[in-house]
Amino acid sequence: MFTRPALLLRIEEGGLLIAAILLYAHFHFSWVLFAALFLAPDLFMLGYLASPRAGAAIYNLVHTLTGPVILFAAAYATHHPPALAIALIWAAHIAFDRLLGYGLKYPDRFKDTHLQHIA
């Protein structure tokens, strides 16, 4: 198992997904909000309408954990529950995508990711 990076990455992302959901539940945030925003980061796929290069850049911008981690830290430090909820939903979305094998995109085409080539 420890010589199969793709499996290890999926296990890691599964753990992150569970952690984000458990934290979301711990703070008693709205599950309606979770459902409404869970797929929102995928709207950034629309960047592919401009070009594969622009699409990959825009998609990757919102599909790295940097954004939700910064938002989570800022929201926690300033006691801003709505932003904290959004950060957890955002992180859960990224983890779910990667658990399914949808990774960061290369600029040549949408189906080439850092995790695999999607058939």
C-alpha atoms as a PDB file:
ATOM      1  CA  MET A   1       0.000   0.000   0.000  1.00  0.00           C
ATOM      2  CA  PHE A   2       2.778   2.465   0.857  1.00  0.00           C
ATOM      3  CA  THR A   3       4.168   2.110  -2.663  1.00  0.00           C
ATOM      4  CA  ARG A   4       0.891   3.234  -4.257  1.00  0.00           C
ATOM      5  CA  PRO A   5       0.880   7.056  -4.123  1.00  0.00           C
ATOM      6  CA  ALA A   6      -2.519   7.389  -5.827  1.00  0.00           C
ATOM      7  CA  LEU A   7      -4.123   5.253  -3.112  1.00  0.00           C
ATOM      8  CA  LEU A   8      -2.323   7.138  -0.348  1.00  0.00           C
ATOM      9  CA  LEU A   9      -3.460  10.470  -1.772  1.00  0.00           C
ATOM     10  CA  ARG A  10      -7.064   9.277  -1.917  1.00  0.00           C
ATOM     11  CA  ILE A  11      -6.910   8.053   1.692  1.00  0.00           C
ATOM     12  CA  GLU A  12      -5.469  11.409   2.704  1.00  0.00           C
ATOM     13  CA  GLU A  13      -8.222  13.300   0.905  1.00  0.00           C
ATOM     14  CA  GLY A  14     -10.866  11.045   2.451  1.00  0.00           C
ATOM     15  CA  GLY A  15      -9.507  11.983   5.864  1.00  0.00           C
ATOM     16  CA  LEU A  16      -9.628  15.670   4.990  1.00  0.00           C
ATOM     17  CA  LEU A  17     -13.212  15.334   3.752  1.00  0.00           C
ATOM     18  CA  ILE A  18     -14.278  13.621   6.968  1.00  0.00           C
ATOM     19  CA  ALA A  19     -12.447  16.220   9.089  1.00  0.00           C
ATOM     20  CA  ALA A  20     -14.092  19.122   7.238  1.00  0.00           C
ATOM     21  CA  ILE A  21     -17.547  17.573   7.632  1.00  0.00           C
ATOM     22  CA  LEU A  22     -16.997  16.810  11.324  1.00  0.00           C
ATOM     23  CA  LEU A  23     -15.819  20.370  11.985  1.00  0.00           C
ATOM     24  CA  TYR A  24     -18.802  21.705  10.066  1.00  0.00           C
ATOM     25  CA  ALA A  25     -21.125  19.596  12.218  1.00  0.00           C
ATOM     26  CA  HIS A  26     -19.250  20.594  15.396  1.00  0.00           C
ATOM     27  CA  PHE A  27     -19.927  24.272  14.717  1.00  0.00           C
ATOM     28  CA  HIS A  28     -23.617  23.514  13.969  1.00  0.00           C
ATOM     29  CA  PHE A  29     -23.590  25.238  10.588  1.00  0.00           C
ATOM     30  CA  SER A  30     -26.509  24.956   8.177  1.00  0.00           C
ATOM     31  CA  TRP A  31     -26.621  21.791   6.066  1.00  0.00           C
ATOM     32  CA  VAL A  32     -28.753  23.687   3.559  1.00  0.00           C
ATOM     33  CA  LEU A  33     -25.833  26.096   3.110  1.00  0.00           C
ATOM     34  CA  PHE A  34     -23.474  23.123   2.746  1.00  0.00           C
ATOM     35  CA  ALA A  35     -25.636  21.597   0.011  1.00  0.00           C
ATOM     36  CA  ALA A  36     -26.067  24.936  -1.747  1.00  0.00           C
ATOM     37  CA  LEU A  37     -22.354  25.775  -1.859  1.00  0.00           C
ATOM     38  CA  PHE A  38     -20.683  22.359  -2.093  1.00  0.00           C
ATOM     39  CA  LEU A  39     -20.393  22.405  -5.898  1.00  0.00           C
ATOM     40  CA  ALA A  40     -19.853  26.176  -6.205  1.00  0.00           C
ATOM     41  CA  PRO A  41     -16.078  25.900  -6.838  1.00  0.00           C
ATOM     42  CA  ASP A  42     -16.829  23.897  -9.985  1.00  0.00           C
ATOM     43  CA  LEU A  43     -18.365  27.022 -11.527  1.00  0.00           C
ATOM     44  CA  PHE A  44     -14.784  28.072 -12.175  1.00  0.00           C
ATOM     45  CA  MET A  45     -14.647  25.436 -14.917  1.00  0.00           C
ATOM     46  CA  LEU A  46     -16.289  28.119 -17.023  1.00  0.00           C
ATOM     47  CA  GLY A  47     -12.795  29.527 -17.506  1.00  0.00           C
ATOM     48  CA  TYR A  48     -12.326  26.761 -20.054  1.00  0.00           C
ATOM     49  CA  LEU A  49     -14.666  28.677 -22.341  1.00  0.00           C
ATOM     50  CA  ALA A  50     -11.851  31.198 -22.801  1.00  0.00           C
ATOM     51  CA  SER A  51      -9.094  28.614 -23.368  1.00  0.00           C
ATOM     52  CA  PRO A  52      -7.661  25.458 -21.787  1.00  0.00           C
ATOM     53  CA  ARG A  53      -4.765  27.473 -20.342  1.00  0.00           C
ATOM     54  CA  ALA A  54      -7.034  30.113 -18.771  1.00  0.00           C
ATOM     55  CA  GLY A  55      -9.454  27.428 -17.615  1.00  0.00           C
ATOM     56  CA  ALA A  56      -6.711  25.449 -15.877  1.00  0.00           C
ATOM     57  CA  ALA A  57      -5.354  28.562 -14.159  1.00  0.00           C
ATOM     58  CA  ILE A  58      -8.762  29.689 -12.896  1.00  0.00           C
ATOM     59  CA  TYR A  59      -9.841  26.165 -11.908  1.00  0.00           C
ATOM     60  CA  ASN A  60      -6.573  25.532 -10.046  1.00  0.00           C
ATOM     61  CA  LEU A  61      -6.823  28.870  -8.242  1.00  0.00           C
ATOM     62  CA  VAL A  62      -9.966  27.728  -6.430  1.00  0.00           C
ATOM     63  CA  HIS A  63      -9.032  24.043  -6.181  1.00  0.00           C
ATOM     64  CA  THR A  64      -5.930  24.378  -4.038  1.00  0.00           C
ATOM     65  CA  LEU A  65      -6.202  24.256  -0.271  1.00  0.00           C
ATOM     66  CA  THR A  66      -4.432  27.595   0.144  1.00  0.00           C
ATOM     67  CA  GLY A  67      -7.653  29.609  -0.201  1.00  0.00           C
ATOM     68  CA  PRO A  68      -9.784  27.689   2.285  1.00  0.00           C
ATOM     69  CA  VAL A  69      -6.921  27.438   4.805  1.00  0.00           C
ATOM     70  CA  ILE A  70      -6.338  31.206   4.729  1.00  0.00           C
ATOM     71  CA  LEU A  71     -10.081  31.882   4.931  1.00  0.00           C
ATOM     72  CA  PHE A  72     -10.463  29.393   7.802  1.00  0.00           C
ATOM     73  CA  ALA A  73      -7.602  30.982   9.779  1.00  0.00           C
ATOM     74  CA  ALA A  74      -8.885  34.521   9.207  1.00  0.00           C
ATOM     75  CA  ALA A  75     -12.478  33.568  10.035  1.00  0.00           C
ATOM     76  CA  TYR A  76     -11.456  31.710  13.185  1.00  0.00           C
ATOM     77  CA  ALA A  77      -9.213  34.556  14.342  1.00  0.00           C
ATOM     78  CA  THR A  78     -11.922  37.165  13.785  1.00  0.00           C
ATOM     79  CA  HIS A  79     -14.806  35.007  15.041  1.00  0.00           C
ATOM     80  CA  HIS A  80     -16.669  35.181  11.719  1.00  0.00           C
ATOM     81  CA  PRO A  81     -18.864  32.048  11.533  1.00  0.00           C
ATOM     82  CA  PRO A  82     -20.195  32.519   7.964  1.00  0.00           C
ATOM     83  CA  ALA A  83     -16.662  32.677   6.548  1.00  0.00           C
ATOM     84  CA  LEU A  84     -15.667  29.689   8.683  1.00  0.00           C
ATOM     85  CA  ALA A  85     -18.567  27.700   7.217  1.00  0.00           C
ATOM     86  CA  ILE A  86     -17.566  28.663   3.668  1.00  0.00           C
ATOM     87  CA  ALA A  87     -13.942  27.661   4.307  1.00  0.00           C
ATOM     88  CA  LEU A  88     -15.025  24.219   5.536  1.00  0.00           C
ATOM     89  CA  ILE A  89     -17.388  23.689   2.596  1.00  0.00           C
ATOM     90  CA  TRP A  90     -14.656  24.765   0.204  1.00  0.00           C
ATOM     91  CA  ALA A  91     -12.106  22.387   1.758  1.00  0.00           C
ATOM     92  CA  ALA A  92     -14.653  19.555   1.721  1.00  0.00           C
ATOM     93  CA  HIS A  93     -15.287  20.159  -1.971  1.00  0.00           C
ATOM     94  CA  ILE A  94     -11.592  20.024  -2.824  1.00  0.00           C
ATOM     95  CA  ALA A  95     -11.108  16.846  -0.785  1.00  0.00           C
ATOM     96  CA  PHE A  96     -14.139  15.216  -2.421  1.00  0.00           C
ATOM     97  CA  ASP A  97     -12.891  16.090  -5.903  1.00  0.00           C
ATOM     98  CA  ARG A  98      -9.478  14.621  -5.185  1.00  0.00           C
ATOM     99  CA  LEU A  99     -10.966  11.563  -3.538  1.00  0.00           C
ATOM    100  CA  LEU A 100     -12.715  10.919  -6.861  1.00  0.00           C
ATOM    101  CA  GLY A 101      -9.476  11.488  -8.775  1.00  0.00           C
ATOM    102  CA  TYR A 102     -10.175  15.008 -10.016  1.00  0.00           C
ATOM    103  CA  GLY A 103      -6.993  16.903  -9.362  1.00  0.00           C
ATOM    104  CA  LEU A 104      -5.394  20.138 -10.385  1.00  0.00           C
ATOM    105  CA  LYS A 105      -5.464  20.677 -14.126  1.00  0.00           C
ATOM    106  CA  TYR A 106      -2.627  20.907 -16.604  1.00  0.00           C
ATOM    107  CA  PRO A 107      -3.010  23.635 -19.253  1.00  0.00           C
ATOM    108  CA  ASP A 108      -3.302  21.311 -22.247  1.00  0.00           C
ATOM    109  CA  ARG A 109      -6.748  19.853 -21.518  1.00  0.00           C
ATOM    110  CA  PHE A 110      -9.286  19.392 -18.730  1.00  0.00           C
ATOM    111  CA  LYS A 111      -8.865  15.637 -18.349  1.00  0.00           C
ATOM    112  CA  ASP A 112      -5.156  15.797 -17.497  1.00  0.00           C
ATOM    113  CA  THR A 113      -4.758  16.252 -13.734  1.00  0.00           C
ATOM    114  CA  HIS A 114      -1.975  15.947 -11.206  1.00  0.00           C
ATOM    115  CA  LEU A 115      -3.599  12.724 -10.001  1.00  0.00           C
ATOM    116  CA  GLN A 116      -4.398  10.949 -13.252  1.00  0.00           C
ATOM    117  CA  HIS A 117      -5.673  11.209 -16.801  1.00  0.00           C
ATOM    118  CA  ILE A 118      -9.475  11.086 -16.601  1.00  0.00           C
ATOM    119  CA  ALA A 119     -10.929   8.797 -19.249  1.00  0.00           C
END
